[in-house]
Amino acid sequence: MIAQITDPQIINETGRNQKLTYTMREVAEVLNISVAHAYKLAEQKAIPTIRLGNRILVSIKKLEDYINQ
């Protein structure tokens, strides 16, 4: 199955959308930090990011790896 590059979601086995990425706001919520701090972590390359135009996204798997290190 090929996912559309503009849509950071894929269809899982049950037919539901499964998110692959978080926005910076979602990263802040998951880490319980401010959005500004989430952007600082991204700027410092502490969290690997994906840039799509002006959007900054974070792989859910990479964020989980960051949390578990």
C-alpha atoms as a PDB file:
ATOM      1  CA  MET A   1       0.000   0.000   0.000  1.00  0.00           C
ATOM      2  CA  ILE A   2       1.338   3.458  -0.889  1.00  0.00           C
ATOM      3  CA  ALA A   3       0.521   6.350   1.436  1.00  0.00           C
ATOM      4  CA  GLN A   4       0.027   9.796  -0.026  1.00  0.00           C
ATOM      5  CA  ILE A   5       3.013  11.950   0.812  1.00  0.00           C
ATOM      6  CA  THR A   6       0.812  14.933   1.687  1.00  0.00           C
ATOM      7  CA  ASP A   7      -1.245  12.900   4.171  1.00  0.00           C
ATOM      8  CA  PRO A   8       0.766  11.632   7.162  1.00  0.00           C
ATOM      9  CA  GLN A   9      -1.687   8.799   7.787  1.00  0.00           C
ATOM     10  CA  ILE A  10      -2.121   5.286   6.459  1.00  0.00           C
ATOM     11  CA  ILE A  11      -4.948   2.796   6.654  1.00  0.00           C
ATOM     12  CA  ASN A  12      -4.243  -0.008   9.125  1.00  0.00           C
ATOM     13  CA  GLU A  13      -5.521  -3.573   8.894  1.00  0.00           C
ATOM     14  CA  THR A  14      -8.907  -2.671  10.407  1.00  0.00           C
ATOM     15  CA  GLY A  15      -9.533   0.021   7.793  1.00  0.00           C
ATOM     16  CA  ARG A  16      -8.980   2.892  10.227  1.00  0.00           C
ATOM     17  CA  ASN A  17      -6.547   5.748   9.730  1.00  0.00           C
ATOM     18  CA  GLN A  18      -3.366   5.344  11.715  1.00  0.00           C
ATOM     19  CA  LYS A  19      -1.345   8.497  12.359  1.00  0.00           C
ATOM     20  CA  LEU A  20       2.343   8.333  11.567  1.00  0.00           C
ATOM     21  CA  THR A  21       3.290  11.801  12.770  1.00  0.00           C
ATOM     22  CA  TYR A  22       2.529  14.389  15.420  1.00  0.00           C
ATOM     23  CA  THR A  23       2.360  18.134  15.014  1.00  0.00           C
ATOM     24  CA  MET A  24       4.522  20.198  17.337  1.00  0.00           C
ATOM     25  CA  ARG A  25       1.422  21.003  19.405  1.00  0.00           C
ATOM     26  CA  GLU A  26       0.744  17.267  19.821  1.00  0.00           C
ATOM     27  CA  VAL A  27       4.399  16.666  20.745  1.00  0.00           C
ATOM     28  CA  ALA A  28       4.055  19.313  23.461  1.00  0.00           C
ATOM     29  CA  GLU A  29       0.920  17.615  24.797  1.00  0.00           C
ATOM     30  CA  VAL A  30       2.535  14.161  24.829  1.00  0.00           C
ATOM     31  CA  LEU A  31       5.656  15.440  26.603  1.00  0.00           C
ATOM     32  CA  ASN A  32       3.648  17.760  28.873  1.00  0.00           C
ATOM     33  CA  ILE A  33       5.756  20.768  27.871  1.00  0.00           C
ATOM     34  CA  SER A  34       4.981  24.083  26.208  1.00  0.00           C
ATOM     35  CA  VAL A  35       4.763  24.334  22.436  1.00  0.00           C
ATOM     36  CA  ALA A  36       7.692  26.775  22.531  1.00  0.00           C
ATOM     37  CA  HIS A  37       9.808  24.205  24.364  1.00  0.00           C
ATOM     38  CA  ALA A  38       8.846  21.539  21.810  1.00  0.00           C
ATOM     39  CA  TYR A  39      10.088  23.837  19.045  1.00  0.00           C
ATOM     40  CA  LYS A  40      13.327  24.417  20.978  1.00  0.00           C
ATOM     41  CA  LEU A  41      13.901  20.660  21.255  1.00  0.00           C
ATOM     42  CA  ALA A  42      13.317  20.332  17.516  1.00  0.00           C
ATOM     43  CA  GLU A  43      15.682  23.232  16.793  1.00  0.00           C
ATOM     44  CA  GLN A  44      18.361  21.603  18.967  1.00  0.00           C
ATOM     45  CA  LYS A  45      17.811  18.358  17.005  1.00  0.00           C
ATOM     46  CA  ALA A  46      16.898  16.534  20.217  1.00  0.00           C
ATOM     47  CA  ILE A  47      13.745  15.390  18.437  1.00  0.00           C
ATOM     48  CA  PRO A  48      14.084  14.359  14.785  1.00  0.00           C
ATOM     49  CA  THR A  49      11.651  16.317  12.632  1.00  0.00           C
ATOM     50  CA  ILE A  50      10.148  16.111   9.162  1.00  0.00           C
ATOM     51  CA  ARG A  51       9.559  19.366   7.293  1.00  0.00           C
ATOM     52  CA  LEU A  52       6.720  19.526   4.762  1.00  0.00           C
ATOM     53  CA  GLY A  53       6.688  23.073   3.486  1.00  0.00           C
ATOM     54  CA  ASN A  54       6.067  25.204   6.567  1.00  0.00           C
ATOM     55  CA  ARG A  55       4.820  22.249   8.618  1.00  0.00           C
ATOM     56  CA  ILE A  56       7.088  20.598  11.141  1.00  0.00           C
ATOM     57  CA  LEU A  57       6.096  17.047  11.985  1.00  0.00           C
ATOM     58  CA  VAL A  58       7.578  14.419  14.278  1.00  0.00           C
ATOM     59  CA  SER A  59       7.431  10.685  13.627  1.00  0.00           C
ATOM     60  CA  ILE A  60       5.453   9.002  16.394  1.00  0.00           C
ATOM     61  CA  LYS A  61       7.945   6.125  16.428  1.00  0.00           C
ATOM     62  CA  LYS A  62      10.932   8.491  16.657  1.00  0.00           C
ATOM     63  CA  LEU A  63       9.249  10.381  19.510  1.00  0.00           C
ATOM     64  CA  GLU A  64       8.658   7.097  21.343  1.00  0.00           C
ATOM     65  CA  ASP A  65      12.355   6.247  20.851  1.00  0.00           C
ATOM     66  CA  TYR A  66      13.294   9.689  22.244  1.00  0.00           C
ATOM     67  CA  ILE A  67      11.082   9.163  25.299  1.00  0.00           C
ATOM     68  CA  ASN A  68      12.501   5.683  25.949  1.00  0.00           C
ATOM     69  CA  GLN A  69      16.195   6.616  25.707  1.00  0.00           C
END
